[in-house]
Amino acid sequence: MEHLVRLPYGYRYTGAYNADRQYVFGFRILDPEAADVVLRIFLMYADGLSPAKIAAVLNTQGVPSPHGRMWRDATIRGDRARRTGILNDDSYIGRSWVPGRNYYDYSQALQIVSDELWSRVKLRQEFSARRAAP
């Protein structure tokens, strides 16, 4: 498994059978429990909770983090410009970068967050960034 790219929180690898009935590993699917956590994070943020408060709620409830440690606000907030952190990962709206082909692919089956919720979060981030600017 060391040759596989680490997937964003909310997804896992699985396999499938090809036309020759050979098992092929490496397909990405939703991890239902983690996908529910991702959706909760987006909803909490859209409803006004800060990333720090969201992390505190998840830690209090004993929700496992992406790496099995405590939740941190940076894991949730990330960096908008670099598209890091849960709130900035295009994977959650079904977009994924295709290495070697230099374009984004879209799969509705892999969408965790609705376009409407994604837009609400992006608007709140823009508002927060403008408010924080000197």
Foldseek 3Di string as FASTA:
>chain_A
DVVADDDPFQKDKDWDADPVRDIDTDDIAGPVVRLVLLQVLLVVVLVPDQLQVSQVVCVVVVPADPVRDRRHSCQAVPDCVVQHHSLRPPQQQQWDADPPVGDIDGDNNRHSDHPVSNVSNVVSVVVVVVVPDD
